[in-house]
Protein backbone atom coordinates (compact mmCIF):
# COMPACT_ATOMS: atom_id res chain seq x y z
CA MET A 1 -17.16 12.94 14.56
CA GLN A 2 -14.99 15.91 15.41
CA GLN A 3 -11.64 17.31 14.37
CA ARG A 4 -8.92 16.14 16.77
CA PRO A 5 -5.22 17.11 16.84
CA PHE A 6 -3.10 14.32 15.40
CA LYS A 7 0.57 13.55 14.82
CA GLN A 8 2.43 10.71 13.19
CA VAL A 9 5.78 10.35 14.88
CA ASP A 10 8.83 8.30 13.93
CA VAL A 11 10.44 6.86 17.09
CA PHE A 12 13.97 5.69 17.91
CA THR A 13 15.42 7.78 15.10
CA ALA A 14 16.34 11.39 14.39
CA THR A 15 15.84 10.82 10.64
CA PRO A 16 12.26 10.76 9.35
CA TYR A 17 11.07 7.39 8.01
CA ARG A 18 14.01 5.42 9.45
CA GLY A 19 12.49 4.42 12.82
CA ASN A 20 9.15 3.02 13.97
CA PRO A 21 6.06 5.10 13.12
CA LEU A 22 3.33 5.83 15.65
CA ALA A 23 -0.08 7.48 15.25
CA VAL A 24 -0.95 9.80 18.15
CA VAL A 25 -4.42 11.24 18.70
CA LEU A 26 -3.72 14.05 21.16
CA ASP A 27 -7.32 14.28 22.43
CA GLY A 28 -9.01 10.92 22.87
CA SER A 29 -11.77 12.27 25.12
CA GLY A 30 -15.20 10.78 24.48
CA LEU A 31 -13.99 7.96 22.24
CA SER A 32 -15.08 4.43 23.05
CA THR A 33 -12.68 1.51 23.15
CA ALA A 34 -14.28 0.19 19.96
CA GLU A 35 -13.74 3.52 18.19
CA MET A 36 -10.10 3.64 19.28
CA GLN A 37 -9.55 0.08 18.11
CA HIS A 38 -11.24 0.70 14.76
CA PHE A 39 -9.11 3.77 14.08
CA THR A 40 -5.96 1.91 15.09
CA ASN A 41 -6.75 -0.89 12.65
CA TRP A 42 -7.40 1.68 9.92
CA THR A 43 -3.99 3.35 10.35
CA ASN A 44 -2.30 0.05 9.44
CA LEU A 45 0.54 0.89 11.83
CA SER A 46 1.90 -1.33 14.59
CA GLU A 47 0.49 0.99 17.28
CA CYS A 48 -1.72 4.01 17.80
CA THR A 49 -2.15 5.97 21.04
CA PHE A 50 -4.85 8.21 22.46
CA LEU A 51 -3.96 10.87 25.03
CA LEU A 52 -6.35 11.61 27.89
CA PRO A 53 -6.32 13.48 31.19
CA PRO A 54 -4.97 11.34 34.03
CA THR A 55 -7.41 9.53 36.28
CA PRO A 56 -7.93 11.11 39.73
CA GLU A 57 -5.76 8.36 41.24
CA GLY A 58 -3.05 8.92 38.62
CA ALA A 59 -3.13 12.68 39.05
CA ALA A 60 -2.77 12.30 42.81
CA LYS A 61 0.41 10.31 42.20
CA GLY A 62 1.85 12.88 39.78
CA ALA A 63 0.69 11.71 36.34
CA ASP A 64 0.86 14.39 33.65
CA TYR A 65 -1.38 12.57 31.17
CA ARG A 66 -2.90 9.16 30.50
CA VAL A 67 -2.34 7.15 27.35
CA ARG A 68 -4.23 4.21 25.90
CA ILE A 69 -2.10 2.10 23.58
CA PHE A 70 -3.57 -0.03 20.81
CA CYS A 71 -2.12 -2.38 18.24
CA PRO A 72 -4.14 -4.13 15.51
CA GLY A 73 -6.76 -6.23 17.25
CA ARG A 74 -6.07 -5.40 20.91
CA GLU A 75 -5.17 -2.86 23.57
CA LEU A 76 -1.75 -3.04 25.25
CA PRO A 77 -1.04 -2.21 28.91
CA PHE A 78 2.40 -0.88 27.95
CA ALA A 79 4.64 -0.51 24.92
CA GLY A 80 7.94 1.30 24.54
CA HIS A 81 7.92 3.18 21.26
CA PRO A 82 4.33 4.41 21.87
CA THR A 83 5.47 5.70 25.27
CA LEU A 84 8.31 7.77 23.82
CA GLY A 85 6.37 8.86 20.73
CA SER A 86 3.33 9.92 22.79
CA CYS A 87 5.52 11.90 25.18
CA HIS A 88 7.28 13.58 22.24
CA ALA A 89 3.90 14.55 20.75
CA TRP A 90 2.57 15.77 24.11
CA LEU A 91 5.62 17.96 24.75
CA GLU A 92 5.63 19.30 21.18
CA ALA A 93 1.95 20.23 21.56
CA GLY A 94 2.79 22.35 24.61
CA GLY A 95 2.59 19.85 27.45
CA VAL A 96 4.44 20.95 30.60
CA PRO A 97 5.38 18.30 33.17
CA ARG A 98 4.61 18.96 36.80
CA GLY A 99 7.95 17.65 38.03
CA GLU A 100 11.47 16.80 36.93
CA HIS A 101 10.25 13.88 34.82
CA VAL A 102 7.23 13.47 32.61
CA VAL A 103 4.93 10.92 34.26
CA GLN A 104 2.72 8.84 31.99
CA GLU A 105 -0.24 6.85 33.22
CA CYS A 106 -1.02 3.68 31.27
CA GLY A 107 -2.21 0.11 31.78
CA VAL A 108 0.79 -0.96 33.86
CA GLY A 109 0.55 2.11 36.09
CA LEU A 110 2.85 5.14 36.12
CA VAL A 111 5.93 5.30 33.86
CA LYS A 112 8.61 7.97 34.30
CA ILE A 113 10.10 9.58 31.21
CA ARG A 114 13.22 11.72 31.41
CA ARG A 115 14.51 14.30 28.95
CA ASP A 116 18.13 14.28 27.82
CA GLY A 117 18.48 17.02 25.23
CA GLY A 118 16.44 15.93 22.23
CA ARG A 119 16.25 12.34 23.45
CA LEU A 120 13.57 10.86 25.70
CA ALA A 121 13.96 7.77 27.86
CA PHE A 122 11.48 5.75 29.89
CA ALA A 123 12.20 3.80 33.05
CA ALA A 124 11.78 0.12 32.24
CA PRO A 125 8.71 -1.27 34.03
CA PRO A 126 9.15 -4.41 36.12
CA LEU A 127 8.95 -7.73 34.35
CA ILE A 128 5.66 -9.55 34.74
CA LYS A 129 7.34 -12.84 33.88
CA SER A 130 11.04 -13.67 33.81
CA GLY A 131 13.33 -16.68 34.00
CA PRO A 132 14.29 -19.23 31.36
CA LEU A 133 11.88 -20.46 28.73
CA ASP A 134 10.63 -24.02 28.69
CA GLU A 135 12.96 -26.20 26.65
CA ALA A 136 10.07 -27.15 24.36
CA ASP A 137 9.56 -23.45 23.56
CA VAL A 138 13.28 -22.97 22.88
CA GLN A 139 13.35 -25.88 20.44
CA LEU A 140 10.18 -24.62 18.74
CA ILE A 141 11.67 -21.11 18.39
CA ALA A 142 14.91 -22.53 17.00
CA ARG A 143 12.98 -24.41 14.32
CA GLY A 144 10.83 -21.37 13.59
CA LEU A 145 13.89 -19.14 13.19
CA GLY A 146 15.73 -21.69 11.06
CA VAL A 147 18.67 -22.09 13.44
CA THR A 148 19.97 -25.03 15.47
CA ARG A 149 19.28 -25.36 19.18
CA GLU A 150 23.01 -24.83 19.77
CA ASP A 151 22.80 -21.43 18.03
CA ILE A 152 20.66 -20.14 20.91
CA ALA A 153 23.23 -19.06 23.48
CA ALA A 154 20.72 -17.88 26.10
CA HIS A 155 16.98 -17.44 26.50
CA ALA A 156 14.44 -15.92 28.89
CA TRP A 157 10.92 -14.63 29.31
CA CYS A 158 10.93 -10.88 28.59
CA ASP A 159 7.32 -10.11 29.49
CA ASN A 160 6.61 -6.55 30.67
CA GLY A 161 3.13 -6.31 29.16
CA PRO A 162 3.63 -7.67 25.67
CA ASN A 163 4.30 -11.40 26.01
CA TRP A 164 7.87 -11.44 24.65
CA ARG A 165 10.08 -14.52 24.63
CA GLY A 166 13.74 -13.54 24.26
CA VAL A 167 16.54 -15.58 22.71
CA MET A 168 20.15 -14.60 22.22
CA LEU A 169 22.11 -15.83 19.21
CA ARG A 170 25.88 -15.90 18.97
CA SER A 171 26.35 -13.01 16.52
CA ALA A 172 24.63 -10.04 14.91
CA GLU A 173 25.21 -11.67 11.53
CA GLN A 174 23.09 -14.65 12.56
CA VAL A 175 20.32 -12.32 13.69
CA LEU A 176 20.31 -10.42 10.39
CA ALA A 177 20.32 -13.66 8.37
CA LEU A 178 17.13 -15.02 9.98
CA ARG A 179 14.25 -16.04 7.74
CA PRO A 180 11.55 -17.06 10.23
CA ASP A 181 8.84 -19.58 9.43
CA ALA A 182 5.45 -18.03 10.22
CA THR A 183 3.66 -21.36 10.47
CA ILE A 184 5.99 -22.63 13.21
CA LEU A 185 6.05 -19.35 15.16
CA ASP A 186 2.29 -18.83 14.89
CA GLY A 187 0.98 -17.11 18.03
CA LEU A 188 4.38 -16.35 19.58
CA ASP A 189 5.96 -12.95 20.32
CA VAL A 190 9.68 -13.58 19.80
CA GLY A 191 12.56 -11.17 20.34
CA VAL A 192 16.03 -12.05 19.06
CA VAL A 193 19.24 -10.38 20.08
CA GLY A 194 22.78 -10.95 18.91
CA PRO A 195 26.04 -9.31 20.04
CA ARG A 196 27.60 -7.05 17.47
CA GLY A 197 31.30 -7.37 16.70
CA LYS A 198 33.19 -10.56 17.38
CA VAL A 199 31.17 -13.70 18.07
CA GLY A 200 30.26 -13.97 21.74
CA VAL A 201 31.79 -10.56 22.65
CA VAL A 202 29.37 -8.16 24.33
CA GLY A 203 29.86 -4.41 24.42
CA ARG A 204 32.70 -4.04 21.93
CA GLN A 205 33.06 -0.43 20.81
CA ASP A 206 35.18 -0.98 17.70
CA THR A 207 32.49 -2.11 15.25
CA GLY A 208 30.41 1.06 14.89
CA ASP A 209 27.92 2.79 17.12
CA THR A 210 26.03 -0.25 18.43
CA GLN A 211 26.75 -3.33 20.53
CA PHE A 212 23.67 -5.46 19.78
CA GLU A 213 21.44 -6.22 16.83
CA VAL A 214 17.79 -6.87 17.75
CA ARG A 215 14.85 -8.22 15.79
CA ALA A 216 11.24 -8.71 16.97
CA PHE A 217 8.61 -11.00 15.46
CA PHE A 218 4.96 -11.16 16.48
CA PRO A 219 1.56 -12.21 15.07
CA GLY A 220 0.01 -9.35 13.10
CA ASN A 221 -3.09 -8.82 10.98
CA ASN A 222 -1.70 -10.83 8.07
CA GLY A 223 0.46 -13.42 9.79
CA LEU A 224 3.91 -13.08 11.28
CA THR A 225 5.09 -9.45 11.43
CA GLU A 226 8.50 -7.93 12.15
CA ASP A 227 8.51 -4.79 14.28
CA PRO A 228 10.96 -2.09 13.09
CA VAL A 229 12.03 -0.92 16.57
CA THR A 230 10.59 -2.19 19.85
CA GLY A 231 10.93 -0.30 23.12
CA SER A 232 9.18 -2.83 25.36
CA LEU A 233 11.32 -5.69 24.07
CA ASN A 234 14.55 -3.73 24.43
CA ALA A 235 13.58 -2.74 27.98
CA ALA A 236 13.02 -6.38 28.92
CA LEU A 237 16.12 -7.55 27.07
CA ALA A 238 18.21 -5.02 29.00
CA GLN A 239 16.85 -6.26 32.33
CA TRP A 240 17.55 -9.87 31.38
CA LEU A 241 20.97 -9.37 29.78
CA MET A 242 22.36 -7.05 32.46
CA ASP A 243 21.17 -9.24 35.32
CA ALA A 244 22.66 -12.29 33.58
CA GLY A 245 26.01 -10.54 33.00
CA LEU A 246 25.54 -10.66 29.22
CA ALA A 247 25.48 -6.90 28.64
CA PRO A 248 27.25 -3.85 30.11
CA GLU A 249 25.46 -1.22 32.20
CA ARG A 250 25.32 1.11 29.20
CA TYR A 251 25.00 0.20 25.52
CA VAL A 252 23.29 1.04 22.24
CA ALA A 253 21.25 -1.53 20.31
CA ALA A 254 20.36 -1.43 16.62
CA GLN A 255 17.01 -2.64 15.34
CA GLY A 256 15.28 -2.47 11.97
CA THR A 257 18.42 -3.07 9.91
CA ALA A 258 16.76 -5.98 8.10
CA LEU A 259 13.86 -3.64 7.17
CA ALA A 260 16.09 -0.82 5.87
CA ARG A 261 15.49 1.18 9.07
CA GLN A 262 18.10 2.71 11.36
CA GLY A 263 16.62 2.32 14.82
CA ARG A 264 18.91 3.14 17.74
CA ILE A 265 17.96 2.27 21.31
CA HIS A 266 20.07 3.79 24.10
CA ILE A 267 20.17 1.67 27.26
CA GLU A 268 21.55 2.78 30.62
CA ARG A 269 21.33 1.51 34.19
CA ASP A 270 21.62 4.39 36.67
CA ARG A 271 23.17 4.38 40.13
CA ASP A 272 19.83 3.52 41.72
CA GLY A 273 19.48 0.43 39.54
CA ALA A 274 16.76 1.79 37.24
CA ILE A 275 17.16 0.90 33.56
CA TRP A 276 16.39 3.71 31.12
CA VAL A 277 15.42 3.02 27.51
CA GLY A 278 15.88 6.04 25.27
CA GLY A 279 15.84 7.29 21.73
CA ASN A 280 15.10 10.23 19.49
CA SER A 281 11.71 10.96 17.94
CA VAL A 282 10.73 13.12 14.99
CA THR A 283 7.28 14.30 13.84
CA CYS A 284 6.51 13.37 10.23
CA PHE A 285 2.84 14.46 9.99
CA ASP A 286 1.11 17.14 12.04
CA GLY A 287 -2.53 18.09 11.60
CA ARG A 288 -6.05 17.02 12.51
CA VAL A 289 -8.07 13.87 12.05
CA ARG A 290 -11.85 13.35 11.97
CA LEU A 291 -12.71 10.91 14.69
């Protein structure tokens, strides 16, 4: 074992302990996959990342660093809050990007990250799977969420690495009232979104600082788990909702409200058609870890 620089970062919030925490090992050199997975499981967080030099192929294409992303039990090719939290930790530790954007290498390839003051945003990766869900899945999800089939106003695959299934309810209040049944939803990654403000109205600005309420449920170590704030899901939701005409080109989503968090995800489609998913990050712990 050796002493390695380590940070625990809270992502999608500017207030410590109100977002989604991430463990970041800033030097993962020499660690095996099994060692990374074991440490991730030990942290008891939803994700842990390990920063490495880019591969020769990645470096040739402009990558500034490589990241391996783990959740309990498996490695992920991409995840949103680990992308922003890892970039925040890398920059805070003195990382200097080679170009205008920070370029991260990960399992899905290269991901661009832009800086906007104290906020970071990643370019949403392409969807691996899109289109409507099977009707059998929709009915199963409705039963698992404790809502009627008619309460699901729209649905789609939202798979950009994590295997999300997205459903849209008719209001934020419905989303916040959910009490999912873990036995019915066993094995599914489910993201739920509801418009904030008046029922069925998307993008209203007169009900606070957000236009959508989002919740994410997935199988964890001890059964069904709710993620406080989920970058990958919000990236995929934005691609789905904008393309379907269900969301404006720029909006802010809230997530974590049901868990007493205050996650804020800033979504914007630029003139070139790229969708950027952004948020603040704050370092809560900064030190070294034996690993």
